[in-house]
N, C-alpha and C. Protein backbone atom coordinates (compact mmCIF):
# COMPACT_ATOMS: atom_id res chain seq x y z
N MET A 1 19.04 -5.43 -0.85
CA MET A 1 18.38 -5.27 0.26
C MET A 1 19.84 -4.19 0.52
N THR A 2 19.14 -2.92 1.62
CA THR A 2 20.05 -2.03 1.66
C THR A 2 20.47 -2.71 3.56
N SER A 3 21.68 -2.55 4.15
CA SER A 3 21.93 -2.52 5.33
C SER A 3 20.77 -2.25 6.72
N LYS A 4 19.79 -1.60 5.95
CA LYS A 4 18.88 -1.34 7.17
C LYS A 4 17.50 -2.25 6.64
N LEU A 5 18.12 -3.17 5.86
CA LEU A 5 16.69 -4.17 5.61
C LEU A 5 15.84 -3.52 4.60
N GLN A 6 15.95 -2.56 4.17
CA GLN A 6 14.98 -1.84 3.53
C GLN A 6 15.20 -2.20 1.75
N VAL A 7 14.00 -2.90 1.29
CA VAL A 7 13.62 -3.66 -0.35
C VAL A 7 13.59 -2.37 -1.70
N THR A 8 13.83 -1.99 -2.37
CA THR A 8 13.75 -1.34 -3.71
C THR A 8 13.09 -2.24 -4.16
N VAL A 9 11.38 -1.39 -4.59
CA VAL A 9 10.86 -2.24 -5.59
C VAL A 9 11.07 -1.53 -7.27
N PRO A 10 11.87 -2.87 -8.24
CA PRO A 10 11.94 -1.68 -9.69
C PRO A 10 10.53 -0.88 -9.95
N ARG A 11 11.18 -0.43 -10.45
CA ARG A 11 9.69 0.83 -11.13
C ARG A 11 8.35 0.12 -11.95
N ALA A 12 9.16 -0.81 -12.80
CA ALA A 12 8.03 -1.09 -13.55
C ALA A 12 7.04 -1.82 -12.66
N LEU A 13 7.88 -2.60 -11.61
CA LEU A 13 6.38 -3.39 -11.23
C LEU A 13 5.62 -2.30 -10.00
N ALA A 14 6.59 -1.67 -9.50
CA ALA A 14 5.50 -0.47 -8.94
C ALA A 14 4.61 0.59 -9.67
N ASP A 15 4.70 0.94 -10.43
CA ASP A 15 4.08 1.18 -11.86
C ASP A 15 2.59 -0.10 -11.51
N ARG A 16 2.82 -1.38 -12.54
CA ARG A 16 2.16 -2.19 -12.55
C ARG A 16 1.21 -2.23 -11.56
N TYR A 17 2.05 -2.43 -9.95
CA TYR A 17 0.97 -3.07 -9.17
C TYR A 17 0.15 -1.64 -8.18
N GLY A 18 0.64 -0.21 -9.12
CA GLY A 18 -0.14 0.81 -8.01
C GLY A 18 1.18 0.94 -6.57
N ILE A 19 1.93 0.61 -6.49
CA ILE A 19 2.88 1.09 -5.42
C ILE A 19 3.57 2.52 -5.70
N ALA A 20 3.38 3.28 -4.61
CA ALA A 20 3.64 4.38 -4.52
C ALA A 20 4.67 4.58 -3.41
N PRO A 21 5.44 5.69 -3.12
CA PRO A 21 5.75 6.29 -2.17
C PRO A 21 5.51 6.73 -0.97
N GLY A 22 5.25 5.74 0.34
CA GLY A 22 5.18 6.11 1.89
C GLY A 22 3.91 4.57 1.25
N ASP A 23 3.56 4.32 0.78
CA ASP A 23 2.79 3.11 0.69
C ASP A 23 2.98 1.96 1.61
N GLU A 24 2.00 1.28 2.18
CA GLU A 24 2.54 0.00 3.09
C GLU A 24 2.20 -1.04 2.64
N ILE A 25 3.02 -1.47 2.33
CA ILE A 25 2.95 -3.10 1.65
C ILE A 25 3.01 -4.36 2.85
N GLN A 26 1.89 -5.16 2.18
CA GLN A 26 2.26 -6.52 3.04
C GLN A 26 3.37 -7.49 2.32
N TRP A 27 4.03 -8.72 3.65
CA TRP A 27 4.82 -8.91 3.03
C TRP A 27 4.09 -10.44 3.90
N GLU A 28 4.04 -11.72 2.71
CA GLU A 28 3.67 -12.82 3.68
C GLU A 28 4.94 -13.33 3.04
N ALA A 29 4.71 -15.19 4.20
CA ALA A 29 5.78 -16.07 4.24
C ALA A 29 4.81 -17.16 3.49
N GLY A 30 5.82 -17.81 2.21
CA GLY A 30 4.71 -18.78 1.47
C GLY A 30 5.96 -19.77 1.58
N GLY A 31 5.76 -20.51 2.34
CA GLY A 31 6.92 -21.91 1.86
C GLY A 31 8.51 -21.63 2.47
N ASP A 32 8.64 -21.46 0.77
CA ASP A 32 10.27 -21.16 0.91
C ASP A 32 10.62 -19.51 0.20
N VAL A 33 9.33 -19.14 -0.14
CA VAL A 33 8.89 -17.86 -0.72
C VAL A 33 8.85 -16.64 0.15
N ILE A 34 8.50 -15.69 -0.29
CA ILE A 34 8.35 -14.40 0.26
C ILE A 34 7.33 -13.73 -0.40
N ARG A 35 6.09 -13.30 -0.32
CA ARG A 35 4.94 -12.34 -1.04
C ARG A 35 5.19 -10.97 -1.00
N VAL A 36 5.37 -10.52 -2.04
CA VAL A 36 4.72 -9.12 -1.64
C VAL A 36 3.25 -8.91 -1.84
N VAL A 37 2.52 -8.06 -1.29
CA VAL A 37 1.03 -7.93 -1.56
C VAL A 37 1.32 -6.12 -2.12
N PRO A 38 0.87 -5.86 -2.68
CA PRO A 38 0.64 -4.33 -3.18
C PRO A 38 -0.75 -3.43 -2.05
N PRO A 39 -0.68 -2.08 -1.97
CA PRO A 39 -1.51 -2.32 -1.01
C PRO A 39 -2.97 -1.90 -1.78
N ARG A 40 -4.36 -2.20 -0.91
CA ARG A 40 -5.77 -2.57 -1.89
C ARG A 40 -6.22 -0.97 -1.21
N LYS A 41 -6.28 -0.18 -2.85
CA LYS A 41 -6.43 1.24 -3.31
C LYS A 41 -8.05 1.07 -3.63
N ALA A 42 -8.34 1.99 -2.64
CA ALA A 42 -9.97 2.43 -2.96
C ALA A 42 -10.14 3.28 -3.65
N PRO A 43 -11.48 2.84 -4.65
CA PRO A 43 -11.41 3.49 -6.02
C PRO A 43 -11.59 5.25 -6.17
N ARG A 44 -10.33 6.08 -7.18
CA ARG A 44 -10.99 6.98 -6.85
C ARG A 44 -12.33 7.91 -6.97
N ARG A 45 -13.18 8.67 -6.18
CA ARG A 45 -14.08 9.47 -6.29
C ARG A 45 -14.36 10.39 -6.67
N ASP A 46 -15.08 11.36 -7.55
CA ASP A 46 -15.44 12.56 -7.69
C ASP A 46 -15.95 13.08 -6.62
N LEU A 47 -15.30 14.60 -6.48
CA LEU A 47 -16.43 15.66 -5.30
C LEU A 47 -17.88 15.16 -5.03
N ARG A 48 -18.61 15.24 -5.91
CA ARG A 48 -20.01 14.75 -6.04
C ARG A 48 -20.13 13.76 -5.18
N SER A 49 -19.72 12.76 -6.07
CA SER A 49 -20.10 11.11 -4.96
C SER A 49 -19.96 10.63 -3.90
N ARG A 50 -18.35 11.74 -3.79
CA ARG A 50 -17.74 11.69 -2.25
C ARG A 50 -18.48 12.17 -1.50
N VAL A 51 -19.84 13.68 -1.61
CA VAL A 51 -19.98 14.41 -0.66
C VAL A 51 -21.70 13.60 -0.56
N ARG A 52 -22.22 13.06 -1.56
CA ARG A 52 -23.28 12.14 -1.53
C ARG A 52 -23.17 10.64 -0.52
N LEU A 53 -21.79 9.85 -0.47
CA LEU A 53 -21.68 9.35 0.20
C LEU A 53 -21.39 9.43 1.74
N PHE A 54 -20.83 11.17 1.79
CA PHE A 54 -20.78 11.74 3.54
C PHE A 54 -22.36 12.12 3.95
N ASP A 55 -22.99 12.92 3.10
CA ASP A 55 -24.52 12.36 3.56
C ASP A 55 -25.19 11.20 3.92
N GLN A 56 -24.88 10.48 3.19
CA GLN A 56 -25.73 9.14 3.18
C GLN A 56 -25.48 8.71 4.91
N ALA A 57 -23.57 8.60 4.93
CA ALA A 57 -23.50 8.06 6.04
C ALA A 57 -23.81 9.02 7.17
N THR A 58 -24.03 10.44 7.18
CA THR A 58 -24.84 11.10 8.49
C THR A 58 -25.90 10.74 9.01
N ALA A 59 -26.81 11.02 7.30
CA ALA A 59 -28.30 10.44 7.93
C ALA A 59 -28.63 9.12 8.75
N ARG A 60 -27.14 8.12 8.44
CA ARG A 60 -27.40 6.98 9.15
C ARG A 60 -27.08 6.80 10.57
N GLN A 61 -26.39 7.92 10.68
CA GLN A 61 -25.43 8.35 12.07
C GLN A 61 -26.52 9.08 12.87
N GLN A 62 -27.22 9.86 12.37
CA GLN A 62 -28.66 10.71 12.97
C GLN A 62 -29.91 9.70 13.52
N GLU A 63 -29.65 9.26 12.63
CA GLU A 63 -30.96 8.22 12.72
C GLU A 63 -30.93 6.73 14.04
N ARG A 64 -29.34 6.66 14.01
CA ARG A 64 -28.90 5.56 15.11
C ARG A 64 -28.93 6.50 16.01
N GLU A 65 -28.79 7.73 16.78
CA GLU A 65 -28.77 8.67 17.31
C GLU A 65 -30.03 9.08 17.55
N ARG A 66 -30.89 9.30 16.98
CA ARG A 66 -32.65 9.79 16.97
C ARG A 66 -33.03 8.06 17.34
N THR A 67 -33.08 7.19 17.50
CA THR A 67 -33.37 5.78 17.50
C THR A 67 -32.91 4.54 18.86
N ALA A 68 -31.26 5.45 19.48
CA ALA A 68 -31.11 4.71 20.81
C ALA A 68 -31.73 5.09 21.95
N PRO A 69 -31.38 3.81 22.64
CA PRO A 69 -31.80 3.94 23.90
C PRO A 69 -31.46 5.04 24.63
N PRO A 70 -31.91 6.06 25.78
CA PRO A 70 -31.25 6.37 26.43
C PRO A 70 -30.05 5.87 26.87
N GLU A 71 -29.23 6.68 27.57
CA GLU A 71 -28.06 6.22 28.25
C GLU A 71 -28.46 6.31 29.87
N LYS A 72 -28.29 5.01 30.16
CA LYS A 72 -28.10 5.19 31.85
C LYS A 72 -27.06 5.52 32.54
N ALA A 73 -27.35 6.51 33.48
CA ALA A 73 -26.10 6.90 34.19
C ALA A 73 -25.06 5.80 35.04
N ALA A 74 -23.91 5.80 34.67
CA ALA A 74 -23.05 4.65 34.88
C ALA A 74 -22.78 4.76 36.98
N SER A 75 -23.39 3.51 37.68
CA SER A 75 -23.48 4.04 38.68
C SER A 75 -22.83 2.85 39.17
N GLY A 76 -22.41 2.62 40.15
CA GLY A 76 -21.93 1.51 41.48
C GLY A 76 -21.00 0.36 40.96
N ARG A 77 -19.60 1.29 39.69
CA ARG A 77 -19.16 0.36 39.25
C ARG A 77 -17.88 0.39 40.44
N GLY A 78 -18.24 1.17 40.78
CA GLY A 78 -16.19 1.59 41.59
C GLY A 78 -15.19 2.28 41.43
N TRP A 79 -15.55 3.30 39.88
CA TRP A 79 -14.75 3.43 39.77
C TRP A 79 -15.24 4.93 39.16
N THR A 80 -14.83 5.79 38.62
CA THR A 80 -15.41 6.84 37.83
C THR A 80 -14.48 7.44 36.80
N ARG A 81 -14.59 7.56 35.99
CA ARG A 81 -13.81 8.53 34.67
C ARG A 81 -12.82 8.98 35.01
N GLU A 82 -12.89 10.13 35.98
CA GLU A 82 -11.67 10.59 36.52
C GLU A 82 -10.47 9.77 36.63
N ASP A 83 -10.96 8.25 37.76
CA ASP A 83 -10.38 7.89 37.85
C ASP A 83 -9.11 7.10 37.24
N LEU A 84 -10.12 7.02 36.06
CA LEU A 84 -9.21 6.04 34.40
C LEU A 84 -7.89 7.62 34.13
N TYR A 85 -8.10 8.37 34.21
CA TYR A 85 -7.02 9.22 33.73
C TYR A 85 -5.33 9.12 34.44
N GLY A 86 -5.35 8.83 35.68
CA GLY A 86 -4.29 8.30 36.41
C GLY A 86 -3.50 7.42 35.64
N ARG A 87 -4.10 6.48 35.43
CA ARG A 87 -3.94 5.22 35.46
C ARG A 87 -2.63 4.81 34.13
N GLY A 88 -1.83 4.52 34.39
CA GLY A 88 -0.44 4.15 33.91
C GLY A 88 0.16 5.57 33.74
N ALA A 89 -0.10 6.41 34.31
CA ALA A 89 1.03 7.72 34.96
C ALA A 89 1.91 7.33 35.81
N PRO A 90 3.30 7.85 34.90
CA PRO A 90 4.40 7.53 36.19
C PRO A 90 4.16 8.42 37.77
N ARG A 91 4.46 7.82 38.36
CA ARG A 91 4.34 8.11 40.26
C ARG A 91 5.60 8.99 40.52
């Protein structure tokens, strides 16, 4: 444990569980112990399968847009989109 409360994971454990520099790990309290949970990594996919998945997602989105009911004009709500831009800004 460093003075900045950083912990070094031994290389053997990092290699075994696929932990790399920059990964975010989870810390879980478990009674008198602390569990370190390694990141869950998505399986590596080749370019062809990634493009196929992207095309499928695009087709689903286009279908949703095609079958979605037309949006109603927002009226009578007492505010406009422009009113929101000033919210939270210093005065």
